[in-house]
Amino acid sequence: MTAAIADVEKIEQLAKLEFTDAQRQTLRQELEQILEYVAQLNELETADVPPTSHVLEITNRFREDQTEKWLSQKEVLANAPLQKAGFFSVPKVVDKK
């Protein structure tokens, strides 16, 4: 598969970038190499390969859910420097820029 300078210019436009002619040529060659590699990957038979997200088998180690005693609202607010109507109260911070 080949990539043209027009392809690089389209990518340049979409990405809102500016390249020199030498950079465009380099990017065209790199894009062409990428497309050749993708073409090689497309030749592989993957019908019987299950989709995976990791090369190595990974299993999550979840713990059993356990109920615990919760703090009451009074206990939570006991060390709060400011509180109002049963909630934490914080100073208003507004950036006027």
N, C-alpha and C. Protein backbone atom coordinates (compact mmCIF):
# COMPACT_ATOMS: atom_id res chain seq x y z
N MET A 1 0.85 -1.17 0.00
CA MET A 1 0.00 0.00 0.00
C MET A 1 0.89 1.24 0.00
N THR A 2 0.52 2.22 -0.72
CA THR A 2 1.35 3.42 -0.82
C THR A 2 0.62 4.62 -0.24
N ALA A 3 1.41 5.54 0.25
CA ALA A 3 0.88 6.79 0.78
C ALA A 3 1.42 7.92 -0.08
N ALA A 4 0.57 8.87 -0.39
CA ALA A 4 0.97 10.00 -1.22
C ALA A 4 1.18 11.24 -0.35
N ILE A 5 1.85 12.19 -0.92
CA ILE A 5 2.04 13.47 -0.22
C ILE A 5 0.68 14.09 0.09
N ALA A 6 -0.30 13.87 -0.78
CA ALA A 6 -1.65 14.40 -0.55
C ALA A 6 -2.24 13.84 0.74
N ASP A 7 -1.93 12.56 1.04
CA ASP A 7 -2.41 11.96 2.29
C ASP A 7 -1.79 12.66 3.49
N VAL A 8 -0.50 12.93 3.41
CA VAL A 8 0.20 13.63 4.50
C VAL A 8 -0.35 15.04 4.64
N GLU A 9 -0.61 15.70 3.54
CA GLU A 9 -1.16 17.06 3.60
C GLU A 9 -2.55 17.06 4.23
N LYS A 10 -3.35 16.02 3.95
CA LYS A 10 -4.68 15.93 4.55
C LYS A 10 -4.56 15.73 6.07
N ILE A 11 -3.64 14.85 6.48
CA ILE A 11 -3.40 14.65 7.91
C ILE A 11 -2.91 15.94 8.55
N GLU A 12 -2.02 16.63 7.86
CA GLU A 12 -1.48 17.90 8.34
C GLU A 12 -2.61 18.91 8.55
N GLN A 13 -3.55 18.96 7.61
CA GLN A 13 -4.67 19.88 7.70
C GLN A 13 -5.60 19.49 8.85
N LEU A 14 -5.92 18.20 8.97
CA LEU A 14 -6.81 17.75 10.03
C LEU A 14 -6.22 17.98 11.41
N ALA A 15 -4.90 17.81 11.54
CA ALA A 15 -4.23 18.00 12.82
C ALA A 15 -3.84 19.46 13.06
N LYS A 16 -4.12 20.30 12.10
CA LYS A 16 -3.79 21.73 12.19
C LYS A 16 -2.30 21.94 12.48
N LEU A 17 -1.48 21.24 11.67
CA LEU A 17 -0.03 21.33 11.79
C LEU A 17 0.54 21.90 10.50
N GLU A 18 1.78 22.31 10.56
CA GLU A 18 2.48 22.78 9.37
C GLU A 18 3.82 22.06 9.29
N PHE A 19 4.11 21.44 8.13
CA PHE A 19 5.35 20.73 7.92
C PHE A 19 6.12 21.33 6.75
N THR A 20 7.41 21.15 6.78
CA THR A 20 8.22 21.52 5.63
C THR A 20 8.11 20.39 4.61
N ASP A 21 8.60 20.64 3.40
CA ASP A 21 8.57 19.61 2.37
C ASP A 21 9.36 18.38 2.79
N ALA A 22 10.49 18.59 3.45
CA ALA A 22 11.31 17.46 3.91
C ALA A 22 10.56 16.65 4.97
N GLN A 23 9.87 17.33 5.87
CA GLN A 23 9.09 16.63 6.90
C GLN A 23 7.93 15.86 6.27
N ARG A 24 7.29 16.45 5.28
CA ARG A 24 6.21 15.76 4.58
C ARG A 24 6.71 14.48 3.94
N GLN A 25 7.87 14.53 3.33
CA GLN A 25 8.43 13.36 2.67
C GLN A 25 8.76 12.27 3.71
N THR A 26 9.34 12.68 4.82
CA THR A 26 9.65 11.73 5.89
C THR A 26 8.38 11.09 6.43
N LEU A 27 7.38 11.92 6.68
CA LEU A 27 6.11 11.41 7.19
C LEU A 27 5.42 10.50 6.18
N ARG A 28 5.54 10.80 4.90
CA ARG A 28 4.96 9.95 3.87
C ARG A 28 5.60 8.57 3.92
N GLN A 29 6.93 8.52 4.06
CA GLN A 29 7.63 7.24 4.13
C GLN A 29 7.23 6.47 5.39
N GLU A 30 7.13 7.16 6.51
CA GLU A 30 6.74 6.51 7.76
C GLU A 30 5.30 5.99 7.68
N LEU A 31 4.42 6.78 7.09
CA LEU A 31 3.03 6.37 6.92
C LEU A 31 2.95 5.15 6.01
N GLU A 32 3.74 5.13 4.98
CA GLU A 32 3.77 3.99 4.07
C GLU A 32 4.24 2.73 4.80
N GLN A 33 5.24 2.85 5.65
CA GLN A 33 5.71 1.69 6.44
C GLN A 33 4.61 1.18 7.37
N ILE A 34 3.91 2.10 7.98
CA ILE A 34 2.82 1.71 8.88
C ILE A 34 1.74 0.97 8.10
N LEU A 35 1.37 1.49 6.95
CA LEU A 35 0.33 0.86 6.14
C LEU A 35 0.77 -0.52 5.64
N GLU A 36 2.04 -0.68 5.31
CA GLU A 36 2.55 -1.98 4.90
C GLU A 36 2.46 -2.98 6.06
N TYR A 37 2.78 -2.53 7.26
CA TYR A 37 2.69 -3.40 8.42
C TYR A 37 1.25 -3.81 8.69
N VAL A 38 0.33 -2.87 8.57
CA VAL A 38 -1.09 -3.18 8.78
C VAL A 38 -1.56 -4.17 7.72
N ALA A 39 -1.08 -4.04 6.49
CA ALA A 39 -1.44 -4.98 5.43
C ALA A 39 -0.95 -6.38 5.78
N GLN A 40 0.24 -6.48 6.36
CA GLN A 40 0.76 -7.79 6.80
C GLN A 40 -0.13 -8.37 7.90
N LEU A 41 -0.56 -7.54 8.83
CA LEU A 41 -1.42 -8.01 9.91
C LEU A 41 -2.77 -8.48 9.36
N ASN A 42 -3.26 -7.83 8.33
CA ASN A 42 -4.55 -8.22 7.74
C ASN A 42 -4.48 -9.59 7.07
N GLU A 43 -3.29 -10.05 6.74
CA GLU A 43 -3.14 -11.36 6.10
C GLU A 43 -3.23 -12.50 7.10
N LEU A 44 -3.11 -12.20 8.39
CA LEU A 44 -3.16 -13.24 9.42
C LEU A 44 -4.57 -13.78 9.59
N GLU A 45 -4.67 -15.08 9.86
CA GLU A 45 -5.95 -15.71 10.13
C GLU A 45 -6.27 -15.55 11.62
N THR A 46 -7.28 -14.78 11.92
CA THR A 46 -7.61 -14.51 13.32
C THR A 46 -9.03 -14.93 13.68
N ALA A 47 -9.66 -15.72 12.84
CA ALA A 47 -11.06 -16.10 13.07
C ALA A 47 -11.22 -16.88 14.37
N ASP A 48 -10.29 -17.76 14.70
CA ASP A 48 -10.42 -18.59 15.89
C ASP A 48 -9.64 -18.05 17.10
N VAL A 49 -9.17 -16.83 17.02
CA VAL A 49 -8.41 -16.24 18.11
C VAL A 49 -9.37 -15.41 18.96
N PRO A 50 -9.52 -15.76 20.23
CA PRO A 50 -10.44 -14.98 21.07
C PRO A 50 -9.87 -13.58 21.34
N PRO A 51 -10.74 -12.60 21.41
CA PRO A 51 -10.25 -11.24 21.70
C PRO A 51 -9.70 -11.16 23.11
N THR A 52 -8.58 -10.48 23.25
CA THR A 52 -7.95 -10.31 24.56
C THR A 52 -7.51 -8.86 24.72
N SER A 53 -7.40 -8.47 25.96
CA SER A 53 -6.89 -7.13 26.22
C SER A 53 -5.48 -7.15 26.75
N HIS A 54 -4.99 -8.36 27.12
CA HIS A 54 -3.64 -8.52 27.63
C HIS A 54 -2.99 -9.74 26.99
N VAL A 55 -1.71 -9.68 26.79
CA VAL A 55 -1.00 -10.81 26.23
C VAL A 55 -0.95 -11.95 27.24
N LEU A 56 -0.71 -11.60 28.50
CA LEU A 56 -0.66 -12.59 29.56
C LEU A 56 -2.02 -12.70 30.22
N GLU A 57 -2.35 -13.88 30.71
CA GLU A 57 -3.62 -14.04 31.39
C GLU A 57 -3.58 -13.33 32.73
N ILE A 58 -4.52 -12.46 32.94
CA ILE A 58 -4.59 -11.66 34.17
C ILE A 58 -5.97 -11.85 34.77
N THR A 59 -6.01 -12.10 36.06
CA THR A 59 -7.29 -12.21 36.74
C THR A 59 -7.33 -11.19 37.87
N ASN A 60 -8.48 -10.60 38.06
CA ASN A 60 -8.65 -9.64 39.14
C ASN A 60 -8.82 -10.39 40.45
N ARG A 61 -8.27 -9.84 41.49
CA ARG A 61 -8.42 -10.44 42.81
C ARG A 61 -9.34 -9.54 43.63
N PHE A 62 -10.61 -9.88 43.57
CA PHE A 62 -11.59 -9.11 44.30
C PHE A 62 -11.76 -9.70 45.69
N ARG A 63 -11.95 -8.86 46.66
CA ARG A 63 -12.23 -9.34 48.01
C ARG A 63 -13.74 -9.42 48.18
N GLU A 64 -14.14 -10.21 49.14
CA GLU A 64 -15.56 -10.31 49.46
C GLU A 64 -16.01 -8.99 50.08
N ASP A 65 -17.21 -8.56 49.74
CA ASP A 65 -17.76 -7.37 50.35
C ASP A 65 -18.02 -7.62 51.83
N GLN A 66 -17.65 -6.64 52.63
CA GLN A 66 -17.87 -6.76 54.06
C GLN A 66 -18.55 -5.50 54.56
N THR A 67 -19.53 -5.68 55.39
CA THR A 67 -20.20 -4.51 55.96
C THR A 67 -19.40 -4.04 57.16
N GLU A 68 -19.35 -2.74 57.33
CA GLU A 68 -18.63 -2.16 58.45
C GLU A 68 -19.49 -1.07 59.07
N LYS A 69 -19.16 -0.72 60.27
CA LYS A 69 -19.89 0.34 60.97
C LYS A 69 -19.53 1.69 60.33
N TRP A 70 -20.55 2.45 60.02
CA TRP A 70 -20.34 3.77 59.44
C TRP A 70 -20.31 4.81 60.56
N LEU A 71 -19.63 5.91 60.27
CA LEU A 71 -19.65 7.02 61.21
C LEU A 71 -20.97 7.76 61.07
N SER A 72 -21.46 8.27 62.17
CA SER A 72 -22.68 9.07 62.12
C SER A 72 -22.32 10.46 61.59
N GLN A 73 -23.33 11.19 61.19
CA GLN A 73 -23.11 12.55 60.68
C GLN A 73 -22.46 13.41 61.77
N LYS A 74 -22.88 13.24 62.99
CA LYS A 74 -22.32 14.00 64.11
C LYS A 74 -20.83 13.69 64.27
N GLU A 75 -20.45 12.39 64.17
CA GLU A 75 -19.05 11.99 64.31
C GLU A 75 -18.19 12.53 63.16
N VAL A 76 -18.75 12.53 61.98
CA VAL A 76 -18.00 13.02 60.81
C VAL A 76 -17.74 14.51 60.93
N LEU A 77 -18.74 15.25 61.36
CA LEU A 77 -18.61 16.70 61.44
C LEU A 77 -17.92 17.19 62.72
N ALA A 78 -17.58 16.28 63.62
CA ALA A 78 -17.00 16.67 64.91
C ALA A 78 -15.71 17.46 64.75
N ASN A 79 -14.87 17.13 63.80
CA ASN A 79 -13.59 17.82 63.62
C ASN A 79 -13.61 18.86 62.49
N ALA A 80 -14.77 19.11 61.92
CA ALA A 80 -14.87 20.08 60.83
C ALA A 80 -14.69 21.48 61.37
N PRO A 81 -13.81 22.29 60.74
CA PRO A 81 -13.63 23.65 61.24
C PRO A 81 -14.89 24.50 61.08
N LEU A 82 -15.63 24.26 59.99
CA LEU A 82 -16.88 24.98 59.77
C LEU A 82 -17.94 23.98 59.32
N GLN A 83 -19.15 24.17 59.84
CA GLN A 83 -20.26 23.34 59.39
C GLN A 83 -21.52 24.18 59.36
N LYS A 84 -22.43 23.81 58.47
CA LYS A 84 -23.66 24.58 58.33
C LYS A 84 -24.77 23.62 57.93
N ALA A 85 -25.82 23.58 58.69
CA ALA A 85 -27.00 22.75 58.43
C ALA A 85 -26.64 21.28 58.24
N GLY A 86 -25.68 20.80 59.02
CA GLY A 86 -25.31 19.39 58.96
C GLY A 86 -24.37 19.02 57.83
N PHE A 87 -23.74 19.99 57.20
CA PHE A 87 -22.80 19.74 56.11
C PHE A 87 -21.49 20.47 56.38
N PHE A 88 -20.43 20.05 55.69
CA PHE A 88 -19.18 20.79 55.73
C PHE A 88 -19.41 22.14 55.08
N SER A 89 -18.83 23.17 55.64
CA SER A 89 -18.92 24.50 55.07
C SER A 89 -17.51 24.93 54.68
N VAL A 90 -17.36 25.37 53.44
CA VAL A 90 -16.06 25.81 52.96
C VAL A 90 -16.18 27.22 52.41
N PRO A 91 -15.07 27.97 52.44
CA PRO A 91 -15.14 29.34 51.92
C PRO A 91 -15.39 29.33 50.42
N LYS A 92 -16.12 30.31 49.96
CA LYS A 92 -16.40 30.44 48.54
C LYS A 92 -15.12 30.90 47.84
N VAL A 93 -14.76 30.20 46.78
CA VAL A 93 -13.58 30.55 46.01
C VAL A 93 -14.01 30.76 44.56
N VAL A 94 -13.86 31.99 44.08
CA VAL A 94 -14.24 32.32 42.71
C VAL A 94 -13.09 33.05 42.07
N ASP A 95 -12.64 32.55 40.93
CA ASP A 95 -11.58 33.22 40.19
C ASP A 95 -12.21 34.21 39.25
N LYS A 96 -11.90 35.48 39.40
CA LYS A 96 -12.54 36.51 38.61
C LYS A 96 -11.80 36.85 37.33
N LYS A 97 -11.06 35.91 36.79
CA LYS A 97 -10.33 36.17 35.55
C LYS A 97 -11.22 36.07 34.36
